[in-house]
N, C-alpha and C. Protein backbone atom coordinates (compact mmCIF):
# COMPACT_ATOMS: atom_id res chain seq x y z
N MET A 1 18.91 54.88 4.61
CA MET A 1 19.88 54.07 5.32
C MET A 1 20.99 54.97 5.86
N GLN A 2 21.26 54.87 7.12
CA GLN A 2 22.27 55.70 7.76
C GLN A 2 23.56 54.91 7.90
N LEU A 3 24.70 55.49 7.37
CA LEU A 3 25.98 54.80 7.41
C LEU A 3 26.71 55.00 8.73
N CYS A 4 26.62 56.18 9.30
CA CYS A 4 27.30 56.47 10.56
C CYS A 4 26.26 56.68 11.65
N TYR A 5 26.52 56.13 12.82
CA TYR A 5 25.57 56.22 13.92
C TYR A 5 25.94 57.30 14.92
N GLY A 6 26.95 58.07 14.64
CA GLY A 6 27.36 59.15 15.51
C GLY A 6 28.68 59.71 15.04
N PRO A 7 29.05 60.87 15.54
CA PRO A 7 30.29 61.51 15.10
C PRO A 7 31.53 60.65 15.37
N MET A 8 31.57 59.98 16.49
CA MET A 8 32.74 59.15 16.81
C MET A 8 32.84 57.95 15.88
N ALA A 9 31.71 57.36 15.54
CA ALA A 9 31.71 56.22 14.62
C ALA A 9 32.16 56.65 13.23
N CYS A 10 31.71 57.81 12.80
CA CYS A 10 32.13 58.33 11.49
C CYS A 10 33.62 58.62 11.48
N LEU A 11 34.12 59.21 12.54
CA LEU A 11 35.55 59.52 12.64
C LEU A 11 36.38 58.24 12.65
N ALA A 12 35.94 57.25 13.39
CA ALA A 12 36.66 55.98 13.45
C ALA A 12 36.69 55.31 12.08
N LEU A 13 35.57 55.34 11.37
CA LEU A 13 35.51 54.75 10.04
C LEU A 13 36.44 55.50 9.08
N PHE A 14 36.43 56.81 9.14
CA PHE A 14 37.30 57.63 8.29
C PHE A 14 38.77 57.32 8.55
N LEU A 15 39.16 57.28 9.81
CA LEU A 15 40.56 57.00 10.16
C LEU A 15 40.98 55.61 9.72
N LEU A 16 40.10 54.65 9.87
CA LEU A 16 40.40 53.28 9.45
C LEU A 16 40.62 53.21 7.94
N LEU A 17 39.76 53.85 7.18
CA LEU A 17 39.88 53.81 5.72
C LEU A 17 41.13 54.54 5.22
N THR A 18 41.44 55.69 5.79
CA THR A 18 42.62 56.44 5.33
C THR A 18 43.91 55.78 5.79
N ALA A 19 43.94 55.21 6.96
CA ALA A 19 45.17 54.57 7.46
C ALA A 19 45.51 53.33 6.66
N THR A 20 44.52 52.54 6.31
CA THR A 20 44.81 51.32 5.57
C THR A 20 45.18 51.63 4.13
N GLY A 21 44.74 52.74 3.60
CA GLY A 21 45.05 53.08 2.21
C GLY A 21 46.44 53.64 2.03
N THR A 22 46.95 54.42 2.98
CA THR A 22 48.23 55.08 2.77
C THR A 22 49.40 54.27 3.27
N GLY A 23 49.33 53.73 4.45
CA GLY A 23 50.47 53.01 5.01
C GLY A 23 50.84 51.77 4.23
N ALA A 24 49.87 51.02 3.82
CA ALA A 24 50.15 49.77 3.11
C ALA A 24 50.79 50.03 1.76
N ASP A 25 50.38 51.09 1.07
CA ASP A 25 50.94 51.39 -0.24
C ASP A 25 52.42 51.71 -0.15
N LYS A 26 52.84 52.44 0.85
CA LYS A 26 54.23 52.85 0.98
C LYS A 26 55.14 51.66 1.28
N VAL A 27 54.68 50.74 2.09
CA VAL A 27 55.50 49.60 2.47
C VAL A 27 55.80 48.72 1.27
N HIS A 28 54.84 48.52 0.40
CA HIS A 28 55.01 47.61 -0.72
C HIS A 28 55.63 48.26 -1.94
N ASN A 29 55.79 49.57 -1.95
CA ASN A 29 56.29 50.28 -3.11
C ASN A 29 57.75 50.66 -2.91
N CYS A 30 58.62 49.66 -2.73
CA CYS A 30 60.04 49.91 -2.52
C CYS A 30 60.85 48.73 -3.01
N CYS A 31 62.16 48.94 -3.08
CA CYS A 31 63.06 47.85 -3.49
C CYS A 31 63.37 46.97 -2.28
N LYS A 32 63.08 45.70 -2.41
CA LYS A 32 63.39 44.76 -1.34
C LYS A 32 64.61 43.92 -1.69
N GLU A 33 65.03 44.01 -2.95
CA GLU A 33 66.26 43.37 -3.41
C GLU A 33 66.79 44.19 -4.58
N VAL A 34 68.08 44.03 -4.87
CA VAL A 34 68.72 44.83 -5.91
C VAL A 34 69.45 43.95 -6.91
N SER A 35 69.74 44.54 -8.06
CA SER A 35 70.48 43.86 -9.10
C SER A 35 71.87 44.50 -9.21
N ARG A 36 72.85 43.70 -9.55
CA ARG A 36 74.20 44.21 -9.81
C ARG A 36 74.47 44.30 -11.31
N GLN A 37 73.51 43.83 -12.10
CA GLN A 37 73.67 43.79 -13.55
C GLN A 37 73.53 45.19 -14.15
N LYS A 38 74.41 45.52 -15.09
CA LYS A 38 74.38 46.82 -15.74
C LYS A 38 73.12 46.94 -16.59
N ILE A 39 72.52 48.11 -16.56
CA ILE A 39 71.28 48.36 -17.30
C ILE A 39 71.63 48.70 -18.75
N THR A 40 70.93 48.06 -19.69
CA THR A 40 71.22 48.27 -21.11
C THR A 40 70.16 49.10 -21.82
N VAL A 41 69.01 49.30 -21.19
CA VAL A 41 67.95 50.12 -21.80
C VAL A 41 68.17 51.58 -21.40
N PRO A 42 67.63 52.54 -22.18
CA PRO A 42 67.81 53.95 -21.85
C PRO A 42 67.27 54.30 -20.46
N ILE A 43 68.07 55.06 -19.71
CA ILE A 43 67.70 55.50 -18.36
C ILE A 43 67.18 56.93 -18.45
N ILE A 44 65.99 57.14 -17.88
CA ILE A 44 65.34 58.44 -17.93
C ILE A 44 65.64 59.26 -16.67
N GLY A 45 65.77 58.60 -15.54
CA GLY A 45 65.99 59.28 -14.28
C GLY A 45 66.43 58.30 -13.20
N ALA A 46 66.71 58.85 -12.02
CA ALA A 46 67.15 58.00 -10.91
C ALA A 46 66.86 58.69 -9.59
N ARG A 47 66.75 57.86 -8.57
CA ARG A 47 66.61 58.38 -7.20
C ARG A 47 67.20 57.35 -6.25
N THR A 48 67.47 57.78 -5.03
CA THR A 48 68.02 56.86 -4.04
C THR A 48 66.92 56.43 -3.08
N GLN A 49 67.13 55.27 -2.50
CA GLN A 49 66.22 54.74 -1.48
C GLN A 49 67.05 54.37 -0.26
N LYS A 50 66.65 54.88 0.89
CA LYS A 50 67.34 54.54 2.14
C LYS A 50 66.85 53.19 2.65
N LYS A 51 67.70 52.56 3.45
CA LYS A 51 67.32 51.28 4.06
C LYS A 51 66.27 51.54 5.13
N ASN A 52 65.16 50.86 5.01
CA ASN A 52 64.07 50.94 5.97
C ASN A 52 63.28 49.64 5.83
N PRO A 53 63.74 48.58 6.54
CA PRO A 53 63.19 47.23 6.34
C PRO A 53 61.66 47.23 6.22
N PRO A 54 61.14 46.51 5.24
CA PRO A 54 61.83 45.52 4.40
C PRO A 54 62.56 46.12 3.20
N CYS A 55 62.53 47.43 3.04
CA CYS A 55 63.20 48.08 1.91
C CYS A 55 64.70 48.12 2.15
N VAL A 56 65.48 47.94 1.08
CA VAL A 56 66.94 47.94 1.17
C VAL A 56 67.49 49.22 0.56
N LYS A 57 68.74 49.55 0.91
CA LYS A 57 69.39 50.71 0.33
C LYS A 57 69.63 50.42 -1.15
N ALA A 58 69.23 51.37 -2.02
CA ALA A 58 69.32 51.13 -3.45
C ALA A 58 69.32 52.43 -4.24
N VAL A 59 69.75 52.32 -5.48
CA VAL A 59 69.53 53.38 -6.45
C VAL A 59 68.46 52.84 -7.39
N ILE A 60 67.40 53.61 -7.55
CA ILE A 60 66.30 53.19 -8.40
C ILE A 60 66.39 53.96 -9.71
N PHE A 61 66.67 53.24 -10.78
CA PHE A 61 66.75 53.85 -12.10
C PHE A 61 65.40 53.74 -12.78
N GLU A 62 64.95 54.86 -13.34
CA GLU A 62 63.71 54.87 -14.11
C GLU A 62 64.09 54.71 -15.57
N THR A 63 63.57 53.67 -16.20
CA THR A 63 63.85 53.40 -17.61
C THR A 63 62.55 53.45 -18.40
N GLU A 64 62.69 53.34 -19.71
CA GLU A 64 61.50 53.30 -20.56
C GLU A 64 60.68 52.04 -20.29
N ASP A 65 61.32 51.01 -19.76
CA ASP A 65 60.64 49.75 -19.46
C ASP A 65 60.11 49.66 -18.03
N GLY A 66 60.40 50.66 -17.20
CA GLY A 66 59.98 50.63 -15.81
C GLY A 66 61.15 50.91 -14.88
N GLU A 67 60.94 50.71 -13.58
CA GLU A 67 61.97 50.98 -12.59
C GLU A 67 62.81 49.75 -12.32
N ILE A 68 64.13 50.00 -12.10
CA ILE A 68 65.07 48.92 -11.80
C ILE A 68 65.82 49.28 -10.53
N CYS A 69 65.84 48.37 -9.58
CA CYS A 69 66.54 48.56 -8.31
C CYS A 69 67.97 48.05 -8.47
N SER A 70 68.94 48.94 -8.27
CA SER A 70 70.34 48.58 -8.46
C SER A 70 71.12 48.75 -7.17
N HIS A 71 72.18 47.94 -7.04
CA HIS A 71 73.02 47.98 -5.84
C HIS A 71 73.83 49.28 -5.82
N TRP A 72 73.71 50.02 -4.74
CA TRP A 72 74.31 51.34 -4.65
C TRP A 72 75.83 51.32 -4.63
N LYS A 73 76.46 50.20 -4.30
CA LYS A 73 77.93 50.13 -4.23
C LYS A 73 78.60 49.85 -5.58
N GLU A 74 77.83 49.44 -6.57
CA GLU A 74 78.41 49.15 -7.88
C GLU A 74 78.98 50.42 -8.50
N ALA A 75 80.19 50.34 -9.05
CA ALA A 75 80.85 51.51 -9.64
C ALA A 75 80.02 52.11 -10.77
N TRP A 76 79.45 51.27 -11.62
CA TRP A 76 78.66 51.79 -12.74
C TRP A 76 77.41 52.50 -12.25
N VAL A 77 76.84 52.04 -11.14
CA VAL A 77 75.65 52.68 -10.57
C VAL A 77 76.00 54.07 -10.06
N GLN A 78 77.09 54.19 -9.32
CA GLN A 78 77.53 55.49 -8.80
C GLN A 78 77.85 56.45 -9.94
N HIS A 79 78.57 55.96 -10.95
CA HIS A 79 78.95 56.80 -12.09
C HIS A 79 77.71 57.29 -12.84
N THR A 80 76.79 56.39 -13.12
CA THR A 80 75.57 56.75 -13.85
C THR A 80 74.71 57.71 -13.05
N PHE A 81 74.59 57.48 -11.74
CA PHE A 81 73.79 58.36 -10.90
C PHE A 81 74.38 59.77 -10.89
N ILE A 82 75.70 59.88 -10.75
CA ILE A 82 76.36 61.20 -10.74
C ILE A 82 76.16 61.90 -12.08
N GLN A 83 76.28 61.16 -13.18
CA GLN A 83 76.06 61.74 -14.50
C GLN A 83 74.64 62.29 -14.63
N LEU A 84 73.67 61.53 -14.20
CA LEU A 84 72.28 61.97 -14.28
C LEU A 84 72.04 63.21 -13.42
N GLU A 85 72.59 63.23 -12.22
CA GLU A 85 72.44 64.39 -11.33
C GLU A 85 73.11 65.63 -11.91
N THR A 86 74.29 65.47 -12.50
CA THR A 86 75.00 66.59 -13.12
C THR A 86 74.18 67.15 -14.27
N THR A 87 73.64 66.28 -15.10
CA THR A 87 72.82 66.72 -16.23
C THR A 87 71.56 67.43 -15.74
N ARG A 88 70.93 66.87 -14.72
CA ARG A 88 69.71 67.48 -14.17
C ARG A 88 69.99 68.87 -13.62
N ARG A 89 71.08 69.01 -12.87
CA ARG A 89 71.44 70.32 -12.30
C ARG A 89 71.77 71.31 -13.39
N SER A 90 72.45 70.86 -14.42
CA SER A 90 72.79 71.72 -15.54
C SER A 90 71.53 72.23 -16.24
N LEU A 91 70.57 71.35 -16.44
CA LEU A 91 69.31 71.75 -17.07
C LEU A 91 68.53 72.71 -16.18
N ASN A 92 68.54 72.48 -14.87
CA ASN A 92 67.86 73.38 -13.94
C ASN A 92 68.49 74.76 -13.96
N THR A 93 69.82 74.82 -14.03
CA THR A 93 70.52 76.10 -14.07
C THR A 93 70.19 76.84 -15.36
N GLN A 94 70.16 76.13 -16.48
CA GLN A 94 69.83 76.74 -17.76
C GLN A 94 68.40 77.27 -17.75
N ASN A 95 67.49 76.54 -17.17
CA ASN A 95 66.09 76.96 -17.13
C ASN A 95 65.88 78.19 -16.25
N THR A 96 66.65 78.33 -15.19
CA THR A 96 66.47 79.48 -14.30
C THR A 96 67.17 80.72 -14.82
N THR A 97 68.21 80.56 -15.66
CA THR A 97 68.94 81.72 -16.18
C THR A 97 68.48 82.13 -17.57
N SER A 98 67.68 81.31 -18.24
CA SER A 98 67.19 81.64 -19.59
C SER A 98 66.10 82.69 -19.49
N PRO A 99 66.05 83.62 -20.47
CA PRO A 99 64.99 84.65 -20.45
C PRO A 99 63.65 84.09 -20.83
């Protein structure tokens, strides 16, 4: 049984399969809404997300329970994010200067 009937058909099939697999995953893997509630579980890490509809601007905190999308304007969010970044940079500096 032959799956492709020519080089162009094979190329078209390949492009179709790769395009539907990558683009759709990125669109659905973002914060579409945020919470203003302070996080009470341990936070392991954080990253920012830019606004790119349907995704909203957010700080995404990684916790032991999963990821939480938080409102970037909240004072506690900014404070916690800066603390995490300072700690991360400090650890990176220690790792590069240690023998």
